Amino acid sequence: MEQITGTLVWYYYICPREVWLMAHEINPEQENPLIELGRLIHENSYSRERKGFETAGLKIDLIKKEDGKLMVGEVKKSSRFLKSATMQLAYYLLRLREMGIDASGELLIPKEKKRIKVELTTAIEQGLEQAFAGIEKIISAEKPPEVKKIGYCRNCAYREFCYI
């Protein structure tokens, strides 16, 4: 599980091919307008509250004390991939718990003015365990999974890589 990151968990629920590409350090086109928009939203949202945290496999957007408990926030540009975002944040909560840090989570979607609470439940933990096994299988493969067109492909930063 050492090589699994929150980003890989995010992509696992969207596109297995992206999981393989990211895990093998084949990075997406950074000038992609959606990546730039996401970066802009990330940098400019919640600036008064922003205190991030980064360590191996974790890149938490926001961390603060709320009602005497640690709260970690994950900023997203939309709720379109709510399951992916929820599982990514749950991964962070699980990793923090493994470090002895009890925290709650909140998905922050500034464009939609949404704050969605995320807590580790037994069902979410089981989903993460299945995701870890799936991610390990994908990244240990010699080559990426075949291209499978999904609704996300049209705006994907890997589009040219997959469709040339």
C-alpha atoms as a PDB file:
ATOM      1  CA  MET A   1       0.000   0.000   0.000  1.00  0.00           C
ATOM      2  CA  GLU A   2       3.049   2.222   0.259  1.00  0.00           C
ATOM      3  CA  GLN A   3       2.803   3.300  -3.386  1.00  0.00           C
ATOM      4  CA  ILE A   4      -0.920   4.060  -3.213  1.00  0.00           C
ATOM      5  CA  THR A   5      -1.768   7.753  -2.942  1.00  0.00           C
ATOM      6  CA  GLY A   6      -4.960   9.733  -2.553  1.00  0.00           C
ATOM      7  CA  THR A   7      -4.711  10.712  -6.207  1.00  0.00           C
ATOM      8  CA  LEU A   8      -4.594   7.063  -7.289  1.00  0.00           C
ATOM      9  CA  VAL A   9      -7.661   6.347  -5.154  1.00  0.00           C
ATOM     10  CA  TRP A  10      -9.415   9.305  -6.850  1.00  0.00           C
ATOM     11  CA  TYR A  11      -8.592   8.019 -10.350  1.00  0.00           C
ATOM     12  CA  TYR A  12      -9.432   4.400  -9.480  1.00  0.00           C
ATOM     13  CA  TYR A  13     -13.103   5.335  -9.363  1.00  0.00           C
ATOM     14  CA  ILE A  14     -12.899   7.219 -12.661  1.00  0.00           C
ATOM     15  CA  CYS A  15     -10.469   5.457 -15.012  1.00  0.00           C
ATOM     16  CA  PRO A  16      -8.157   2.477 -14.383  1.00  0.00           C
ATOM     17  CA  ARG A  17      -5.935   3.550 -17.277  1.00  0.00           C
ATOM     18  CA  GLU A  18      -5.228   6.862 -15.528  1.00  0.00           C
ATOM     19  CA  VAL A  19      -4.270   4.931 -12.387  1.00  0.00           C
ATOM     20  CA  TRP A  20      -1.632   3.001 -14.335  1.00  0.00           C
ATOM     21  CA  LEU A  21      -0.323   6.098 -16.124  1.00  0.00           C
ATOM     22  CA  MET A  22      -0.044   8.154 -12.926  1.00  0.00           C
ATOM     23  CA  ALA A  23       1.538   5.305 -10.968  1.00  0.00           C
ATOM     24  CA  HIS A  24       4.146   4.961 -13.715  1.00  0.00           C
ATOM     25  CA  GLU A  25       4.863   8.707 -13.582  1.00  0.00           C
ATOM     26  CA  ILE A  26       3.361   9.446 -16.975  1.00  0.00           C
ATOM     27  CA  ASN A  27       1.891  12.807 -16.092  1.00  0.00           C
ATOM     28  CA  PRO A  28      -1.074  14.436 -17.818  1.00  0.00           C
ATOM     29  CA  GLU A  29      -0.824  17.542 -19.966  1.00  0.00           C
ATOM     30  CA  GLN A  30      -0.386  20.321 -17.383  1.00  0.00           C
ATOM     31  CA  GLU A  31      -1.673  23.032 -19.728  1.00  0.00           C
ATOM     32  CA  ASN A  32      -5.049  21.321 -19.980  1.00  0.00           C
ATOM     33  CA  PRO A  33      -7.690  24.010 -19.243  1.00  0.00           C
ATOM     34  CA  LEU A  34      -9.457  21.823 -16.670  1.00  0.00           C
ATOM     35  CA  ILE A  35      -6.234  21.130 -14.782  1.00  0.00           C
ATOM     36  CA  GLU A  36      -5.481  24.858 -14.800  1.00  0.00           C
ATOM     37  CA  LEU A  37      -9.029  25.645 -13.597  1.00  0.00           C
ATOM     38  CA  GLY A  38      -8.722  23.083 -10.811  1.00  0.00           C
ATOM     39  CA  ARG A  39      -5.373  24.555  -9.780  1.00  0.00           C
ATOM     40  CA  LEU A  40      -6.863  28.068  -9.749  1.00  0.00           C
ATOM     41  CA  ILE A  41      -9.871  27.010  -7.646  1.00  0.00           C
ATOM     42  CA  HIS A  42      -7.569  25.123  -5.304  1.00  0.00           C
ATOM     43  CA  GLU A  43      -5.218  28.089  -4.832  1.00  0.00           C
ATOM     44  CA  ASN A  44      -7.908  30.755  -4.409  1.00  0.00           C
ATOM     45  CA  SER A  45     -10.611  28.992  -2.392  1.00  0.00           C
ATOM     46  CA  TYR A  46     -10.725  28.940   1.381  1.00  0.00           C
ATOM     47  CA  SER A  47      -7.517  31.029   1.553  1.00  0.00           C
ATOM     48  CA  ARG A  48      -8.364  32.288   5.076  1.00  0.00           C
ATOM     49  CA  GLU A  49      -8.775  28.722   6.316  1.00  0.00           C
ATOM     50  CA  ARG A  50      -6.033  27.166   4.230  1.00  0.00           C
ATOM     51  CA  LYS A  51      -3.387  25.238   6.043  1.00  0.00           C
ATOM     52  CA  GLY A  52      -2.481  22.192   4.011  1.00  0.00           C
ATOM     53  CA  PHE A  53      -0.509  19.113   4.944  1.00  0.00           C
ATOM     54  CA  GLU A  54       1.672  16.895   2.780  1.00  0.00           C
ATOM     55  CA  THR A  55       3.542  13.676   3.503  1.00  0.00           C
ATOM     56  CA  ALA A  56       4.091  10.368   1.697  1.00  0.00           C
ATOM     57  CA  GLY A  57       0.883   9.521  -0.183  1.00  0.00           C
ATOM     58  CA  LEU A  58      -1.086  12.370   1.424  1.00  0.00           C
ATOM     59  CA  LYS A  59      -1.682  15.842   0.081  1.00  0.00           C
ATOM     60  CA  ILE A  60      -4.433  17.337   2.203  1.00  0.00           C
ATOM     61  CA  ASP A  61      -5.811  20.648   0.963  1.00  0.00           C
ATOM     62  CA  LEU A  62      -7.058  22.028   4.261  1.00  0.00           C
ATOM     63  CA  ILE A  63      -6.602  21.100   7.881  1.00  0.00           C
ATOM     64  CA  LYS A  64      -8.166  22.900  10.863  1.00  0.00           C
ATOM     65  CA  LYS A  65      -9.645  22.413  14.306  1.00  0.00           C
ATOM     66  CA  GLU A  66     -13.437  22.390  14.370  1.00  0.00           C
ATOM     67  CA  ASP A  67     -15.418  21.841  17.575  1.00  0.00           C
ATOM     68  CA  GLY A  68     -12.283  20.528  19.275  1.00  0.00           C
ATOM     69  CA  LYS A  69     -11.663  17.917  16.567  1.00  0.00           C
ATOM     70  CA  LEU A  70      -9.303  17.909  13.627  1.00  0.00           C
ATOM     71  CA  MET A  71     -11.089  18.440  10.302  1.00  0.00           C
ATOM     72  CA  VAL A  72      -9.453  17.830   6.935  1.00  0.00           C
ATOM     73  CA  GLY A  73     -10.898  19.293   3.766  1.00  0.00           C
ATOM     74  CA  GLU A  74     -10.535  18.308   0.140  1.00  0.00           C
ATOM     75  CA  VAL A  75     -11.283  21.033  -2.426  1.00  0.00           C
ATOM     76  CA  LYS A  76     -12.901  19.941  -5.709  1.00  0.00           C
ATOM     77  CA  LYS A  77     -14.088  22.007  -8.646  1.00  0.00           C
ATOM     78  CA  SER A  78     -17.408  20.161  -8.904  1.00  0.00           C
ATOM     79  CA  SER A  79     -19.435  17.355  -7.369  1.00  0.00           C
ATOM     80  CA  ARG A  80     -19.434  15.447 -10.648  1.00  0.00           C
ATOM     81  CA  PHE A  81     -17.139  12.740  -9.254  1.00  0.00           C
ATOM     82  CA  LEU A  82     -18.530  12.639  -5.746  1.00  0.00           C
ATOM     83  CA  LYS A  83     -17.723   8.961  -5.144  1.00  0.00           C
ATOM     84  CA  SER A  84     -14.078   9.471  -6.220  1.00  0.00           C
ATOM     85  CA  ALA A  85     -13.735  12.563  -4.051  1.00  0.00           C
ATOM     86  CA  THR A  86     -15.360  10.841  -1.073  1.00  0.00           C
ATOM     87  CA  MET A  87     -13.065   7.835  -1.333  1.00  0.00           C
ATOM     88  CA  GLN A  88      -9.975  10.024  -1.762  1.00  0.00           C
ATOM     89  CA  LEU A  89     -10.856  11.937   1.403  1.00  0.00           C
ATOM     90  CA  ALA A  90     -11.693   8.679   3.212  1.00  0.00           C
ATOM     91  CA  TYR A  91      -8.221   7.412   2.227  1.00  0.00           C
ATOM     92  CA  TYR A  92      -6.706  10.479   3.911  1.00  0.00           C
ATOM     93  CA  LEU A  93      -8.799   9.898   7.035  1.00  0.00           C
ATOM     94  CA  LEU A  94      -7.744   6.238   7.142  1.00  0.00           C
ATOM     95  CA  ARG A  95      -4.052   7.073   6.727  1.00  0.00           C
ATOM     96  CA  LEU A  96      -4.288   9.752   9.437  1.00  0.00           C
ATOM     97  CA  ARG A  97      -5.967   7.262  11.776  1.00  0.00           C
ATOM     98  CA  GLU A  98      -3.122   4.803  11.103  1.00  0.00           C
ATOM     99  CA  MET A  99      -0.771   7.601  12.258  1.00  0.00           C
ATOM    100  CA  GLY A 100      -2.805   7.951  15.476  1.00  0.00           C
ATOM    101  CA  ILE A 101      -4.653  11.098  14.350  1.00  0.00           C
ATOM    102  CA  ASP A 102      -8.438  11.128  14.717  1.00  0.00           C
ATOM    103  CA  ALA A 103     -10.041  13.422  12.153  1.00  0.00           C
ATOM    104  CA  SER A 104     -13.259  14.070  10.292  1.00  0.00           C
ATOM    105  CA  GLY A 105     -13.469  15.129   6.673  1.00  0.00           C
ATOM    106  CA  GLU A 106     -15.287  17.578   4.496  1.00  0.00           C
ATOM    107  CA  LEU A 107     -15.468  17.869   0.724  1.00  0.00           C
ATOM    108  CA  LEU A 108     -15.408  21.525  -0.273  1.00  0.00           C
ATOM    109  CA  ILE A 109     -16.900  22.507  -3.621  1.00  0.00           C
ATOM    110  CA  PRO A 110     -16.653  26.308  -3.843  1.00  0.00           C
ATOM    111  CA  LYS A 111     -18.333  26.783  -7.253  1.00  0.00           C
ATOM    112  CA  GLU A 112     -21.406  24.940  -5.973  1.00  0.00           C
ATOM    113  CA  LYS A 113     -21.138  26.361  -2.436  1.00  0.00           C
ATOM    114  CA  LYS A 114     -21.221  22.825  -1.025  1.00  0.00           C
ATOM    115  CA  ARG A 115     -19.613  21.307   2.044  1.00  0.00           C
ATOM    116  CA  ILE A 116     -20.132  17.565   2.336  1.00  0.00           C
ATOM    117  CA  LYS A 117     -19.161  15.740   5.539  1.00  0.00           C
ATOM    118  CA  VAL A 118     -17.190  12.511   5.154  1.00  0.00           C
ATOM    119  CA  GLU A 119     -16.670  10.015   7.968  1.00  0.00           C
ATOM    120  CA  LEU A 120     -14.931   6.653   7.922  1.00  0.00           C
ATOM    121  CA  THR A 121     -17.560   3.940   8.132  1.00  0.00           C
ATOM    122  CA  THR A 122     -17.145   0.188   7.933  1.00  0.00           C
ATOM    123  CA  ALA A 123     -18.611   0.215   4.411  1.00  0.00           C
ATOM    124  CA  ILE A 124     -16.219   2.951   3.250  1.00  0.00           C
ATOM    125  CA  GLU A 125     -13.241   1.142   4.795  1.00  0.00           C
ATOM    126  CA  GLN A 126     -14.247  -2.058   2.994  1.00  0.00           C
ATOM    127  CA  GLY A 127     -14.554  -0.070  -0.245  1.00  0.00           C
ATOM    128  CA  LEU A 128     -11.041   1.300   0.303  1.00  0.00           C
ATOM    129  CA  GLU A 129      -9.657  -2.209   0.875  1.00  0.00           C
ATOM    130  CA  GLN A 130     -11.203  -3.314  -2.431  1.00  0.00           C
ATOM    131  CA  ALA A 131      -9.824  -0.203  -4.140  1.00  0.00           C
ATOM    132  CA  PHE A 132      -6.326  -0.905  -2.742  1.00  0.00           C
ATOM    133  CA  ALA A 133      -6.421  -4.430  -4.170  1.00  0.00           C
ATOM    134  CA  GLY A 134      -7.680  -3.110  -7.522  1.00  0.00           C
ATOM    135  CA  ILE A 135      -5.039  -0.381  -7.657  1.00  0.00           C
ATOM    136  CA  GLU A 136      -2.252  -2.843  -6.807  1.00  0.00           C
ATOM    137  CA  LYS A 137      -3.441  -5.122  -9.615  1.00  0.00           C
ATOM    138  CA  ILE A 138      -3.590  -2.250 -12.130  1.00  0.00           C
ATOM    139  CA  ILE A 139      -0.195  -0.761 -11.315  1.00  0.00           C
ATOM    140  CA  SER A 140       1.597  -4.115 -11.225  1.00  0.00           C
ATOM    141  CA  ALA A 141       0.501  -4.831 -14.818  1.00  0.00           C
ATOM    142  CA  GLU A 142       3.185  -4.567 -17.482  1.00  0.00           C
ATOM    143  CA  LYS A 143       1.148  -2.144 -19.579  1.00  0.00           C
ATOM    144  CA  PRO A 144      -1.866   0.111 -19.030  1.00  0.00           C
ATOM    145  CA  PRO A 145      -5.415  -1.194 -19.310  1.00  0.00           C
ATOM    146  CA  GLU A 146      -6.939  -0.856 -22.762  1.00  0.00           C
ATOM    147  CA  VAL A 147      -8.614   2.421 -23.642  1.00  0.00           C
ATOM    148  CA  LYS A 148     -12.262   2.328 -22.624  1.00  0.00           C
ATOM    149  CA  LYS A 149     -14.229   5.389 -23.659  1.00  0.00           C
ATOM    150  CA  ILE A 150     -16.150   6.935 -20.797  1.00  0.00           C
ATOM    151  CA  GLY A 151     -17.880  10.296 -20.359  1.00  0.00           C
ATOM    152  CA  TYR A 152     -14.763  11.719 -18.733  1.00  0.00           C
ATOM    153  CA  CYS A 153     -12.532  11.125 -21.817  1.00  0.00           C
ATOM    154  CA  ARG A 154     -13.676  14.229 -23.689  1.00  0.00           C
ATOM    155  CA  ASN A 155     -12.033  16.596 -21.184  1.00  0.00           C
ATOM    156  CA  CYS A 156      -9.268  14.320 -19.923  1.00  0.00           C
ATOM    157  CA  ALA A 157      -5.689  15.624 -19.795  1.00  0.00           C
ATOM    158  CA  TYR A 158      -4.546  12.171 -21.015  1.00  0.00           C
ATOM    159  CA  ARG A 159      -6.871  12.282 -24.045  1.00  0.00           C
ATOM    160  CA  GLU A 160      -4.116  12.671 -26.627  1.00  0.00           C
ATOM    161  CA  PHE A 161      -2.118   9.886 -25.014  1.00  0.00           C
ATOM    162  CA  CYS A 162      -5.052   7.487 -25.279  1.00  0.00           C
ATOM    163  CA  TYR A 163      -6.472   8.480 -28.663  1.00  0.00           C
ATOM    164  CA  ILE A 164      -3.476   9.121 -30.914  1.00  0.00           C
END
